[in-house]
Amino acid sequence: EVSEEVHFGLKTTEAPHYRRVSMEQERESADEASDDESDR
């Protein structure tokens, strides 16, 4: 959520599953916007 709001870049170290979490968050946002279950 912070990464979507700020002007600086954000990355994690020794937590590569942050990429999974971000992808899941974006999927939820895409689903809410499109209400299209076929994207899962």
Full PDB file with SEQRES, HELIX, SHEET, SSBOND, CRYST1, ORIGX, SCALE, CONECT and MASTER records, all heavy atoms in Angstrom:
SEQRES   1 A   40  GLU VAL SER GLU GLU VAL HIS PHE GLY LEU LYS THR THR          
SEQRES   2 A   40  GLU ALA PRO HIS TYR ARG ARG VAL SER MET GLU GLN GLU          
SEQRES   3 A   40  ARG GLU SER ALA ASP GLU ALA SER ASP ASP GLU SER ASP          
SEQRES   4 A   40  ARG                                                          
HELIX    1 AA1 VAL A    2  GLU A    5  1                                   4    
HELIX    2 AA2 HIS A   17  SER A   34  1                                  18    
HELIX    3 AA3 GLU A   37  ASP A   39  5                                   3    
CRYST1    1.000    1.000    1.000  90.00  90.00  90.00 P 1           1          
ORIGX1      1.000000  0.000000  0.000000        0.00000                         
ORIGX2      0.000000  1.000000  0.000000        0.00000                         
ORIGX3      0.000000  0.000000  1.000000        0.00000                         
SCALE1      1.000000  0.000000  0.000000        0.00000                         
SCALE2      0.000000  1.000000  0.000000        0.00000                         
SCALE3      0.000000  0.000000  1.000000        0.00000                         
ATOM      1  N   GLU A   1       0.834  -1.202   0.000  1.00  0.00           N  
ATOM      2  CA  GLU A   1       0.000   0.000   0.000  1.00  0.00           C  
ATOM      3  C   GLU A   1       0.871   1.255   0.000  1.00  0.00           C  
ATOM      4  O   GLU A   1       0.586   2.219  -0.733  1.00  0.00           O  
ATOM      5  CB  GLU A   1      -0.915  -0.002   1.219  1.00  0.00           C  
ATOM      6  CG  GLU A   1      -1.969  -1.110   1.209  1.00  0.00           C  
ATOM      7  CD  GLU A   1      -2.759  -1.158   2.504  1.00  0.00           C  
ATOM      8  OE1 GLU A   1      -2.516  -0.284   3.379  1.00  0.00           O  
ATOM      9  OE2 GLU A   1      -3.612  -2.041   2.651  1.00  0.00           O  
ATOM     10  N   VAL A   2       1.928   1.240   0.812  1.00  0.00           N  
ATOM     11  CA  VAL A   2       2.846   2.380   0.839  1.00  0.00           C  
ATOM     12  C   VAL A   2       3.461   2.608  -0.538  1.00  0.00           C  
ATOM     13  O   VAL A   2       3.553   3.747  -1.017  1.00  0.00           O  
ATOM     14  CB  VAL A   2       3.957   2.149   1.884  1.00  0.00           C  
ATOM     15  CG1 VAL A   2       5.064   3.199   1.746  1.00  0.00           C  
ATOM     16  CG2 VAL A   2       3.385   2.176   3.301  1.00  0.00           C  
ATOM     17  N   SER A   3       3.869   1.527  -1.192  1.00  0.00           N  
ATOM     18  CA  SER A   3       4.522   1.653  -2.499  1.00  0.00           C  
ATOM     19  C   SER A   3       3.618   2.301  -3.537  1.00  0.00           C  
ATOM     20  O   SER A   3       4.102   2.916  -4.499  1.00  0.00           O  
ATOM     21  CB  SER A   3       4.979   0.271  -2.994  1.00  0.00           C  
ATOM     22  OG  SER A   3       3.874  -0.511  -3.434  1.00  0.00           O  
ATOM     23  N   GLU A   4       2.298   2.179  -3.340  1.00  0.00           N  
ATOM     24  CA  GLU A   4       1.342   2.765  -4.274  1.00  0.00           C  
ATOM     25  C   GLU A   4       1.117   4.251  -4.001  1.00  0.00           C  
ATOM     26  O   GLU A   4       0.544   4.952  -4.841  1.00  0.00           O  
ATOM     27  CB  GLU A   4       0.001   2.033  -4.166  1.00  0.00           C  
ATOM     28  CG  GLU A   4       0.062   0.549  -4.506  1.00  0.00           C  
ATOM     29  CD  GLU A   4       0.197   0.304  -5.999  1.00  0.00           C  
ATOM     30  OE1 GLU A   4      -0.779   0.573  -6.713  1.00  0.00           O  
ATOM     31  OE2 GLU A   4       1.282  -0.127  -6.441  1.00  0.00           O  
ATOM     32  N   GLU A   5       1.571   4.721  -2.849  1.00  0.00           N  
ATOM     33  CA  GLU A   5       1.254   6.083  -2.424  1.00  0.00           C  
ATOM     34  C   GLU A   5       2.433   7.044  -2.502  1.00  0.00           C  
ATOM     35  O   GLU A   5       2.230   8.263  -2.595  1.00  0.00           O  
ATOM     36  CB  GLU A   5       0.761   6.068  -0.967  1.00  0.00           C  
ATOM     37  CG  GLU A   5      -0.486   5.221  -0.738  1.00  0.00           C  
ATOM     38  CD  GLU A   5      -0.756   5.005   0.748  1.00  0.00           C  
ATOM     39  OE1 GLU A   5       0.127   5.380   1.561  1.00  0.00           O  
ATOM     40  OE2 GLU A   5      -1.817   4.462   1.082  1.00  0.00           O  
ATOM     41  N   VAL A   6       3.668   6.531  -2.444  1.00  0.00           N  
ATOM     42  CA  VAL A   6       4.827   7.401  -2.270  1.00  0.00           C  
ATOM     43  C   VAL A   6       5.580   7.588  -3.580  1.00  0.00           C  
ATOM     44  O   VAL A   6       5.340   6.892  -4.570  1.00  0.00           O  
ATOM     45  CB  VAL A   6       5.786   6.815  -1.200  1.00  0.00           C  
ATOM     46  CG1 VAL A   6       5.098   6.759   0.151  1.00  0.00           C  
ATOM     47  CG2 VAL A   6       6.277   5.428  -1.610  1.00  0.00           C  
ATOM     48  N   HIS A   7       6.503   8.526  -3.555  1.00  0.00           N  
ATOM     49  CA  HIS A   7       7.292   8.831  -4.747  1.00  0.00           C  
ATOM     50  C   HIS A   7       8.616   8.081  -4.765  1.00  0.00           C  
ATOM     51  O   HIS A   7       9.264   8.002  -5.809  1.00  0.00           O  
ATOM     52  CB  HIS A   7       7.551  10.340  -4.829  1.00  0.00           C  
ATOM     53  CG  HIS A   7       6.313  11.162  -4.963  1.00  0.00           C  
ATOM     54  ND1 HIS A   7       5.491  11.113  -6.079  1.00  0.00           N  
ATOM     55  CD2 HIS A   7       5.736  12.040  -4.114  1.00  0.00           C  
ATOM     56  CE1 HIS A   7       4.477  11.938  -5.919  1.00  0.00           C  
ATOM     57  NE2 HIS A   7       4.592  12.518  -4.724  1.00  0.00           N  
ATOM     58  N   PHE A   8       9.052   7.547  -3.618  1.00  0.00           N  
ATOM     59  CA  PHE A   8      10.303   6.789  -3.598  1.00  0.00           C  
ATOM     60  C   PHE A   8      10.035   5.321  -3.938  1.00  0.00           C  
ATOM     61  O   PHE A   8       8.913   4.826  -3.802  1.00  0.00           O  
ATOM     62  CB  PHE A   8      11.002   6.913  -2.244  1.00  0.00           C  
ATOM     63  CG  PHE A   8      10.144   6.555  -1.052  1.00  0.00           C  
ATOM     64  CD1 PHE A   8       9.942   5.233  -0.684  1.00  0.00           C  
ATOM     65  CD2 PHE A   8       9.571   7.550  -0.272  1.00  0.00           C  
ATOM     66  CE1 PHE A   8       9.183   4.901   0.428  1.00  0.00           C  
ATOM     67  CE2 PHE A   8       8.798   7.241   0.831  1.00  0.00           C  
ATOM     68  CZ  PHE A   8       8.597   5.908   1.182  1.00  0.00           C  
ATOM     69  N   GLY A   9      11.078   4.625  -4.369  1.00  0.00           N  
ATOM     70  CA  GLY A   9      10.967   3.201  -4.616  1.00  0.00           C  
ATOM     71  C   GLY A   9      10.969   2.426  -3.311  1.00  0.00           C  
ATOM     72  O   GLY A   9      11.425   2.926  -2.278  1.00  0.00           O  
ATOM     73  N   LEU A  10      10.479   1.206  -3.344  1.00  0.00           N  
ATOM     74  CA  LEU A  10      10.433   0.368  -2.148  1.00  0.00           C  
ATOM     75  C   LEU A  10      10.772  -1.060  -2.539  1.00  0.00           C  
ATOM     76  O   LEU A  10      10.238  -1.593  -3.509  1.00  0.00           O  
ATOM     77  CB  LEU A  10       9.049   0.434  -1.504  1.00  0.00           C  
ATOM     78  CG  LEU A  10       8.895  -0.162  -0.106  1.00  0.00           C  
ATOM     79  CD1 LEU A  10       7.757   0.528   0.650  1.00  0.00           C  
ATOM     80  CD2 LEU A  10       8.616  -1.669  -0.159  1.00  0.00           C  
ATOM     81  N   LYS A  11      11.686  -1.655  -1.786  1.00  0.00           N  
ATOM     82  CA  LYS A  11      12.037  -3.046  -2.025  1.00  0.00           C  
ATOM     83  C   LYS A  11      12.275  -3.729  -0.684  1.00  0.00           C  
ATOM     84  O   LYS A  11      12.503  -3.066   0.335  1.00  0.00           O  
ATOM     85  CB  LYS A  11      13.280  -3.174  -2.907  1.00  0.00           C  
ATOM     86  CG  LYS A  11      14.581  -2.698  -2.282  1.00  0.00           C  
ATOM     87  CD  LYS A  11      15.721  -2.815  -3.269  1.00  0.00           C  
ATOM     88  CE  LYS A  11      17.066  -2.401  -2.654  1.00  0.00           C  
ATOM     89  NZ  LYS A  11      17.551  -3.403  -1.695  1.00  0.00           N  
ATOM     90  N   THR A  12      12.201  -5.034  -0.701  1.00  0.00           N  
ATOM     91  CA  THR A  12      12.500  -5.795   0.503  1.00  0.00           C  
ATOM     92  C   THR A  12      13.803  -6.554   0.319  1.00  0.00           C  
ATOM     93  O   THR A  12      14.201  -6.882  -0.802  1.00  0.00           O  
ATOM     94  CB  THR A  12      11.375  -6.785   0.841  1.00  0.00           C  
ATOM     95  OG1 THR A  12      11.184  -7.679  -0.267  1.00  0.00           O  
ATOM     96  CG2 THR A  12      10.080  -6.052   1.157  1.00  0.00           C  
ATOM     97  N   THR A  13      14.447  -6.844   1.434  1.00  0.00           N  
ATOM     98  CA  THR A  13      15.657  -7.668   1.456  1.00  0.00           C  
ATOM     99  C   THR A  13      15.401  -8.885   2.336  1.00  0.00           C  
ATOM    100  O   THR A  13      14.847  -8.753   3.430  1.00  0.00           O  
ATOM    101  CB  THR A  13      16.850  -6.862   2.008  1.00  0.00           C  
ATOM    102  OG1 THR A  13      17.063  -5.717   1.178  1.00  0.00           O  
ATOM    103  CG2 THR A  13      18.123  -7.706   2.022  1.00  0.00           C  
ATOM    104  N   GLU A  14      15.779 -10.054   1.841  1.00  0.00           N  
ATOM    105  CA  GLU A  14      15.548 -11.332   2.523  1.00  0.00           C  
ATOM    106  C   GLU A  14      14.052 -11.541   2.809  1.00  0.00           C  
ATOM    107  O   GLU A  14      13.675 -12.138   3.808  1.00  0.00           O  
ATOM    108  CB  GLU A  14      16.375 -11.429   3.809  1.00  0.00           C  
ATOM    109  CG  GLU A  14      17.880 -11.424   3.584  1.00  0.00           C  
ATOM    110  CD  GLU A  14      18.389 -12.603   2.757  1.00  0.00           C  
ATOM    111  OE1 GLU A  14      17.596 -13.532   2.472  1.00  0.00           O  
ATOM    112  OE2 GLU A  14      19.587 -12.611   2.393  1.00  0.00           O  
ATOM    113  N   ALA A  15      13.227 -11.069   1.904  1.00  0.00           N  
ATOM    114  CA  ALA A  15      11.779 -11.307   1.968  1.00  0.00           C  
ATOM    115  C   ALA A  15      11.224 -11.322   0.554  1.00  0.00           C  
ATOM    116  O   ALA A  15      10.388 -10.482   0.202  1.00  0.00           O  
ATOM    117  CB  ALA A  15      11.095 -10.249   2.814  1.00  0.00           C  
ATOM    118  N   PRO A  16      11.677 -12.264  -0.264  1.00  0.00           N  
ATOM    119  CA  PRO A  16      11.213 -12.268  -1.661  1.00  0.00           C  
ATOM    120  C   PRO A  16       9.731 -12.534  -1.802  1.00  0.00           C  
ATOM    121  O   PRO A  16       9.144 -12.253  -2.856  1.00  0.00           O  
ATOM    122  CB  PRO A  16      12.046 -13.378  -2.311  1.00  0.00           C  
ATOM    123  CG  PRO A  16      12.465 -14.266  -1.185  1.00  0.00           C  
ATOM    124  CD  PRO A  16      12.642 -13.350  -0.008  1.00  0.00           C  
ATOM    125  N   HIS A  17       9.084 -13.063  -0.733  1.00  0.00           N  
ATOM    126  CA  HIS A  17       7.643 -13.294  -0.863  1.00  0.00           C  
ATOM    127  C   HIS A  17       6.854 -11.988  -0.840  1.00  0.00           C  
ATOM    128  O   HIS A  17       5.637 -12.008  -1.051  1.00  0.00           O  
ATOM    129  CB  HIS A  17       7.123 -14.267   0.197  1.00  0.00           C  
ATOM    130  CG  HIS A  17       7.705 -14.142   1.556  1.00  0.00           C  
ATOM    131  ND1 HIS A  17       9.050 -14.237   1.834  1.00  0.00           N  
ATOM    132  CD2 HIS A  17       7.114 -13.945   2.756  1.00  0.00           C  
ATOM    133  CE1 HIS A  17       9.258 -14.109   3.126  1.00  0.00           C  
ATOM    134  NE2 HIS A  17       8.095 -13.918   3.709  1.00  0.00           N  
ATOM    135  N   TYR A  18       7.524 -10.865  -0.637  1.00  0.00           N  
ATOM    136  CA  TYR A  18       6.853  -9.577  -0.846  1.00  0.00           C  
ATOM    137  C   TYR A  18       6.340  -9.476  -2.275  1.00  0.00           C  
ATOM    138  O   TYR A  18       5.286  -8.881  -2.534  1.00  0.00           O  
ATOM    139  CB  TYR A  18       7.824  -8.434  -0.534  1.00  0.00           C  
ATOM    140  CG  TYR A  18       7.298  -7.062  -0.893  1.00  0.00           C  
ATOM    141  CD1 TYR A  18       6.196  -6.518  -0.232  1.00  0.00           C  
ATOM    142  CD2 TYR A  18       7.896  -6.305  -1.893  1.00  0.00           C  
ATOM    143  CE1 TYR A  18       5.702  -5.262  -0.562  1.00  0.00           C  
ATOM    144  CE2 TYR A  18       7.419  -5.043  -2.225  1.00  0.00           C  
ATOM    145  CZ  TYR A  18       6.326  -4.531  -1.565  1.00  0.00           C  
ATOM    146  OH  TYR A  18       5.846  -3.287  -1.896  1.00  0.00           O  
ATOM    147  N   ARG A  19       7.055 -10.089  -3.220  1.00  0.00           N  
ATOM    148  CA  ARG A  19       6.606 -10.053  -4.608  1.00  0.00           C  
ATOM    149  C   ARG A  19       5.290 -10.818  -4.770  1.00  0.00           C  
ATOM    150  O   ARG A  19       4.402 -10.399  -5.511  1.00  0.00           O  
ATOM    151  CB  ARG A  19       7.700 -10.607  -5.515  1.00  0.00           C  
ATOM    152  CG  ARG A  19       8.968  -9.755  -5.507  1.00  0.00           C  
ATOM    153  CD  ARG A  19       9.941 -10.162  -6.586  1.00  0.00           C  
ATOM    154  NE  ARG A  19      10.652 -11.395  -6.290  1.00  0.00           N  
ATOM    155  CZ  ARG A  19      11.770 -11.465  -5.597  1.00  0.00           C  
ATOM    156  NH1 ARG A  19      12.300 -10.363  -5.076  1.00  0.00           N  
ATOM    157  NH2 ARG A  19      12.379 -12.618  -5.397  1.00  0.00           N  
ATOM    158  N   ARG A  20       5.174 -11.949  -4.083  1.00  0.00           N  
ATOM    159  CA  ARG A  20       3.898 -12.693  -4.126  1.00  0.00           C  
ATOM    160  C   ARG A  20       2.778 -11.861  -3.521  1.00  0.00           C  
ATOM    161  O   ARG A  20       1.684 -11.763  -4.093  1.00  0.00           O  
ATOM    162  CB  ARG A  20       4.021 -14.019  -3.368  1.00  0.00           C  
ATOM    163  CG  ARG A  20       2.662 -14.694  -3.142  1.00  0.00           C  
ATOM    164  CD  ARG A  20       2.770 -15.907  -2.248  1.00  0.00           C  
ATOM    165  NE  ARG A  20       3.304 -15.636  -0.921  1.00  0.00           N  
ATOM    166  CZ  ARG A  20       2.603 -15.103   0.078  1.00  0.00           C  
ATOM    167  NH1 ARG A  20       1.337 -14.739  -0.100  1.00  0.00           N  
ATOM    168  NH2 ARG A  20       3.167 -14.923   1.262  1.00  0.00           N  
ATOM    169  N   VAL A  21       3.032 -11.264  -2.363  1.00  0.00           N  
ATOM    170  CA  VAL A  21       2.012 -10.463  -1.693  1.00  0.00           C  
ATOM    171  C   VAL A  21       1.562  -9.323  -2.594  1.00  0.00           C  
ATOM    172  O   VAL A  21       0.352  -9.063  -2.740  1.00  0.00           O  
ATOM    173  CB  VAL A  21       2.549  -9.919  -0.352  1.00  0.00           C  
ATOM    174  CG1 VAL A  21       1.577  -8.908   0.242  1.00  0.00           C  
ATOM    175  CG2 VAL A  21       2.788 -11.068   0.631  1.00  0.00           C  
ATOM    176  N   SER A  22       2.505  -8.634  -3.241  1.00  0.00           N  
ATOM    177  CA  SER A  22       2.152  -7.527  -4.119  1.00  0.00           C  
ATOM    178  C   SER A  22       1.324  -8.010  -5.304  1.00  0.00           C  
ATOM    179  O   SER A  22       0.342  -7.360  -5.701  1.00  0.00           O  
ATOM    180  CB  SER A  22       3.418  -6.824  -4.628  1.00  0.00           C  
ATOM    181  OG  SER A  22       4.072  -6.140  -3.575  1.00  0.00           O  
ATOM    182  N   MET A  23       1.700  -9.148  -5.853  1.00  0.00           N  
ATOM    183  CA  MET A  23       0.943  -9.693  -6.982  1.00  0.00           C  
ATOM    184  C   MET A  23      -0.474 -10.053  -6.564  1.00  0.00           C  
ATOM    185  O   MET A  23      -1.444  -9.813  -7.290  1.00  0.00           O  
ATOM    186  CB  MET A  23       1.672 -10.892  -7.565  1.00  0.00           C  
ATOM    187  CG  MET A  23       2.989 -10.532  -8.232  1.00  0.00           C  
ATOM    188  SD  MET A  23       3.975 -11.966  -8.689  1.00  0.00           S  
ATOM    189  CE  MET A  23       2.985 -12.623 -10.020  1.00  0.00           C  
ATOM    190  N   GLU A  24      -0.615 -10.628  -5.370  1.00  0.00           N  
ATOM    191  CA  GLU A  24      -1.946 -10.980  -4.887  1.00  0.00           C  
ATOM    192  C   GLU A  24      -2.783  -9.736  -4.630  1.00  0.00           C  
ATOM    193  O   GLU A  24      -3.991  -9.712  -4.916  1.00  0.00           O  
ATOM    194  CB  GLU A  24      -1.828 -11.817  -3.614  1.00  0.00           C  
ATOM    195  CG  GLU A  24      -1.286 -13.221  -3.858  1.00  0.00           C  
ATOM    196  CD  GLU A  24      -1.119 -14.017  -2.579  1.00  0.00           C  
ATOM    197  OE1 GLU A  24      -0.966 -13.389  -1.512  1.00  0.00           O  
ATOM    198  OE2 GLU A  24      -1.142 -15.252  -2.649  1.00  0.00           O  
ATOM    199  N   GLN A  25      -2.153  -8.693  -4.084  1.00  0.00           N  
ATOM    200  CA  GLN A  25      -2.866  -7.444  -3.848  1.00  0.00           C  
ATOM    201  C   GLN A  25      -3.339  -6.830  -5.162  1.00  0.00           C  
ATOM    202  O   GLN A  25      -4.466  -6.331  -5.262  1.00  0.00           O  
ATOM    203  CB  GLN A  25      -1.966  -6.451  -3.109  1.00  0.00           C  
ATOM    204  CG  GLN A  25      -1.590  -6.859  -1.700  1.00  0.00           C  
ATOM    205  CD  GLN A  25      -2.760  -6.811  -0.745  1.00  0.00           C  
ATOM    206  OE1 GLN A  25      -3.423  -7.811  -0.498  1.00  0.00           O  
ATOM    207  NE2 GLN A  25      -3.037  -5.636  -0.212  1.00  0.00           N  
ATOM    208  N   GLU A  26      -2.486  -6.881  -6.174  1.00  0.00           N  
ATOM    209  CA  GLU A  26      -2.858  -6.323  -7.466  1.00  0.00           C  
ATOM    210  C   GLU A  26      -3.943  -7.165  -8.131  1.00  0.00           C  
ATOM    211  O   GLU A  26      -4.811  -6.636  -8.830  1.00  0.00           O  
ATOM    212  CB  GLU A  26      -1.622  -6.209  -8.357  1.00  0.00           C  
ATOM    213  CG  GLU A  26      -0.663  -5.135  -7.871  1.00  0.00           C  
ATOM    214  CD  GLU A  26       0.574  -5.020  -8.728  1.00  0.00           C  
ATOM    215  OE1 GLU A  26       0.622  -5.688  -9.789  1.00  0.00           O  
ATOM    216  OE2 GLU A  26       1.491  -4.281  -8.336  1.00  0.00           O  
ATOM    217  N   ARG A  27      -3.894  -8.475  -7.917  1.00  0.00           N  
ATOM    218  CA  ARG A  27      -4.939  -9.330  -8.472  1.00  0.00           C  
ATOM    219  C   ARG A  27      -6.291  -8.983  -7.841  1.00  0.00           C  
ATOM    220  O   ARG A  27      -7.309  -8.907  -8.533  1.00  0.00           O  
ATOM    221  CB  ARG A  27      -4.621 -10.806  -8.227  1.00  0.00           C  
ATOM    222  CG  ARG A  27      -5.770 -11.739  -8.638  1.00  0.00           C  
ATOM    223  CD  ARG A  27      -5.341 -13.193  -8.685  1.00  0.00           C  
ATOM    224  NE  ARG A  27      -4.784 -13.659  -7.433  1.00  0.00           N  
ATOM    225  CZ  ARG A  27      -4.182 -14.838  -7.288  1.00  0.00           C  
ATOM    226  NH1 ARG A  27      -4.056 -15.646  -8.349  1.00  0.00           N  
ATOM    227  NH2 ARG A  27      -3.715 -15.219  -6.119  1.00  0.00           N  
ATOM    228  N   GLU A  28      -6.292  -8.780  -6.525  1.00  0.00           N  
ATOM    229  CA  GLU A  28      -7.533  -8.425  -5.855  1.00  0.00           C  
ATOM    230  C   GLU A  28      -8.070  -7.097  -6.388  1.00  0.00           C  
ATOM    231  O   GLU A  28      -9.283  -6.948  -6.611  1.00  0.00           O  
ATOM    232  CB  GLU A  28      -7.316  -8.336  -4.343  1.00  0.00           C  
ATOM    233  CG  GLU A  28      -7.053  -9.678  -3.683  1.00  0.00           C  
ATOM    234  CD  GLU A  28      -6.812  -9.540  -2.189  1.00  0.00           C  
ATOM    235  OE1 GLU A  28      -6.998  -8.408  -1.670  1.00  0.00           O  
ATOM    236  OE2 GLU A  28      -6.453 -10.541  -1.550  1.00  0.00           O  
ATOM    237  N   SER A  29      -7.177  -6.151  -6.605  1.00  0.00           N  
ATOM    238  CA  SER A  29      -7.608  -4.862  -7.137  1.00  0.00           C  
ATOM    239  C   SER A  29      -8.164  -5.008  -8.537  1.00  0.00           C  
ATOM    240  O   SER A  29      -9.173  -4.401  -8.901  1.00  0.00           O  
ATOM    241  CB  SER A  29      -6.431  -3.870  -7.144  1.00  0.00           C  
ATOM    242  OG  SER A  29      -5.982  -3.611  -5.839  1.00  0.00           O  
ATOM    243  N   ALA A  30      -7.497  -5.845  -9.357  1.00  0.00           N  
ATOM    244  CA  ALA A  30      -7.972  -6.064 -10.717  1.00  0.00           C  
ATOM    245  C   ALA A  30      -9.326  -6.755 -10.715  1.00  0.00           C  
ATOM    246  O   ALA A  30     -10.213  -6.431 -11.510  1.00  0.00           O  
ATOM    247  CB  ALA A  30      -6.951  -6.889 -11.500  1.00  0.00           C  
ATOM    248  N   ASP A  31      -9.515  -7.710  -9.803  1.00  0.00           N  
ATOM    249  CA  ASP A  31     -10.796  -8.415  -9.719  1.00  0.00           C  
ATOM    250  C   ASP A  31     -11.911  -7.467  -9.299  1.00  0.00           C  
ATOM    251  O   ASP A  31     -13.028  -7.534  -9.813  1.00  0.00           O  
ATOM    252  CB  ASP A  31     -10.697  -9.573  -8.718  1.00  0.00           C  
ATOM    253  CG  ASP A  31      -9.887 -10.744  -9.265  1.00  0.00           C  
ATOM    254  OD1 ASP A  31      -9.638 -10.758 -10.486  1.00  0.00           O  
ATOM    255  OD2 ASP A  31      -9.496 -11.608  -8.466  1.00  0.00           O  
ATOM    256  N   GLU A  32     -11.605  -6.594  -8.337  1.00  0.00           N  
ATOM    257  CA  GLU A  32     -12.623  -5.658  -7.883  1.00  0.00           C  
ATOM    258  C   GLU A  32     -13.006  -4.689  -8.996  1.00  0.00           C  
ATOM    259  O   GLU A  32     -14.169  -4.288  -9.124  1.00  0.00           O  
ATOM    260  CB  GLU A  32     -12.113  -4.882  -6.670  1.00  0.00           C  
ATOM    261  CG  GLU A  32     -11.975  -5.739  -5.418  1.00  0.00           C  
ATOM    262  CD  GLU A  32     -11.325  -4.996  -4.279  1.00  0.00           C  
ATOM    263  OE1 GLU A  32     -10.993  -3.794  -4.478  1.00  0.00           O  
ATOM    264  OE2 GLU A  32     -11.142  -5.589  -3.199  1.00  0.00           O  
ATOM    265  N   ALA A  33     -12.020  -4.306  -9.799  1.00  0.00           N  
ATOM    266  CA  ALA A  33     -12.292  -3.347 -10.867  1.00  0.00           C  
ATOM    267  C   ALA A  33     -13.071  -3.978 -12.016  1.00  0.00           C  
ATOM    268  O   ALA A  33     -13.934  -3.346 -12.623  1.00  0.00           O  
ATOM    269  CB  ALA A  33     -10.983  -2.763 -11.386  1.00  0.00           C  
ATOM    270  N   SER A  34     -12.764  -5.231 -12.316  1.00  0.00           N  
ATOM    271  CA  SER A  34     -13.372  -5.871 -13.483  1.00  0.00           C  
ATOM    272  C   SER A  34     -14.473  -6.863 -13.147  1.00  0.00           C  
ATOM    273  O   SER A  34     -15.291  -7.205 -14.003  1.00  0.00           O  
ATOM    274  CB  SER A  34     -12.294  -6.591 -14.284  1.00  0.00           C  
ATOM    275  OG  SER A  34     -11.759  -7.664 -13.530  1.00  0.00           O  
ATOM    276  N   ASP A  35     -14.477  -7.333 -11.881  1.00  0.00           N  
ATOM    277  CA  ASP A  35     -15.425  -8.370 -11.467  1.00  0.00           C  
ATOM    278  C   ASP A  35     -15.382  -9.546 -12.422  1.00  0.00           C  
ATOM    279  O   ASP A  35     -16.408 -10.139 -12.773  1.00  0.00           O  
ATOM    280  CB  ASP A  35     -16.845  -7.806 -11.382  1.00  0.00           C  
ATOM    281  CG  ASP A  35     -17.769  -8.716 -10.577  1.00  0.00           C  
ATOM    282  OD1 ASP A  35     -17.256  -9.454  -9.694  1.00  0.00           O  
ATOM    283  OD2 ASP A  35     -18.985  -8.708 -10.828  1.00  0.00           O  
ATOM    284  N   ASP A  36     -14.172  -9.872 -12.879  1.00  0.00           N  
ATOM    285  CA  ASP A  36     -13.990 -10.916 -13.876  1.00  0.00           C  
ATOM    286  C   ASP A  36     -13.207 -12.059 -13.258  1.00  0.00           C  
ATOM    287  O   ASP A  36     -11.998 -12.007 -13.131  1.00  0.00           O  
ATOM    288  CB  ASP A  36     -13.235 -10.363 -15.084  1.00  0.00           C  
ATOM    289  CG  ASP A  36     -13.059 -11.393 -16.186  1.00  0.00           C  
ATOM    290  OD1 ASP A  36     -13.590 -12.515 -16.034  1.00  0.00           O  
ATOM    291  OD2 ASP A  36     -12.384 -11.079 -17.182  1.00  0.00           O  
ATOM    292  N   GLU A  37     -13.899 -13.124 -12.859  1.00  0.00           N  
ATOM    293  CA  GLU A  37     -13.245 -14.250 -12.202  1.00  0.00           C  
ATOM    294  C   GLU A  37     -12.338 -15.021 -13.146  1.00  0.00           C  
ATOM    295  O   GLU A  37     -11.496 -15.802 -12.724  1.00  0.00           O  
ATOM    296  CB  GLU A  37     -14.296 -15.200 -11.621  1.00  0.00           C  
ATOM    297  CG  GLU A  37     -15.064 -14.621 -10.454  1.00  0.00           C  
ATOM    298  CD  GLU A  37     -14.146 -14.320  -9.285  1.00  0.00           C  
ATOM    299  OE1 GLU A  37     -13.283 -15.162  -8.970  1.00  0.00           O  
ATOM    300  OE2 GLU A  37     -14.278 -13.233  -8.690  1.00  0.00           O  
ATOM    301  N   SER A  38     -12.471 -14.808 -14.453  1.00  0.00           N  
ATOM    302  CA  SER A  38     -11.636 -15.563 -15.393  1.00  0.00           C  
ATOM    303  C   SER A  38     -10.180 -15.167 -15.311  1.00  0.00           C  
ATOM    304  O   SER A  38      -9.311 -15.848 -15.851  1.00  0.00           O  
ATOM    305  CB  SER A  38     -12.122 -15.332 -16.834  1.00  0.00           C  
ATOM    306  OG  SER A  38     -11.949 -13.969 -17.211  1.00  0.00           O  
ATOM    307  N   ASP A  39      -9.879 -14.073 -14.613  1.00  0.00           N  
ATOM    308  CA  ASP A  39      -8.491 -13.621 -14.503  1.00  0.00           C  
ATOM    309  C   ASP A  39      -7.711 -14.399 -13.462  1.00  0.00           C  
ATOM    310  O   ASP A  39      -6.510 -14.254 -13.330  1.00  0.00           O  
ATOM    311  CB  ASP A  39      -8.465 -12.134 -14.148  1.00  0.00           C  
ATOM    312  CG  ASP A  39      -7.079 -11.537 -14.313  1.00  0.00           C  
ATOM    313  OD1 ASP A  39      -6.431 -11.826 -15.331  1.00  0.00           O  
ATOM    314  OD2 ASP A  39      -6.657 -10.787 -13.426  1.00  0.00           O  
ATOM    315  N   ARG A  40      -8.396 -15.257 -12.694  1.00  0.00           N  
ATOM    316  CA  ARG A  40      -7.710 -16.013 -11.656  1.00  0.00           C  
ATOM    317  C   ARG A  40      -6.994 -17.216 -12.258  1.00  0.00           C  
ATOM    318  O   ARG A  40      -7.480 -17.862 -13.170  1.00  0.00           O  
ATOM    319  CB  ARG A  40      -8.700 -16.488 -10.590  1.00  0.00           C  
ATOM    320  CG  ARG A  40      -9.303 -15.339  -9.799  1.00  0.00           C  
ATOM    321  CD  ARG A  40     -10.140 -15.870  -8.666  1.00  0.00           C  
ATOM    322  NE  ARG A  40     -10.734 -14.788  -7.923  1.00  0.00           N  
ATOM    323  CZ  ARG A  40     -10.134 -14.136  -6.936  1.00  0.00           C  
ATOM    324  NH1 ARG A  40      -8.910 -14.464  -6.604  1.00  0.00           N  
ATOM    325  NH2 ARG A  40     -10.733 -13.166  -6.288  1.00  0.00           N  
TER     326      ARG A  40                                                      
MASTER        0    0    0    3    0    0    0    6  325    1    0    4          
END                                                                             
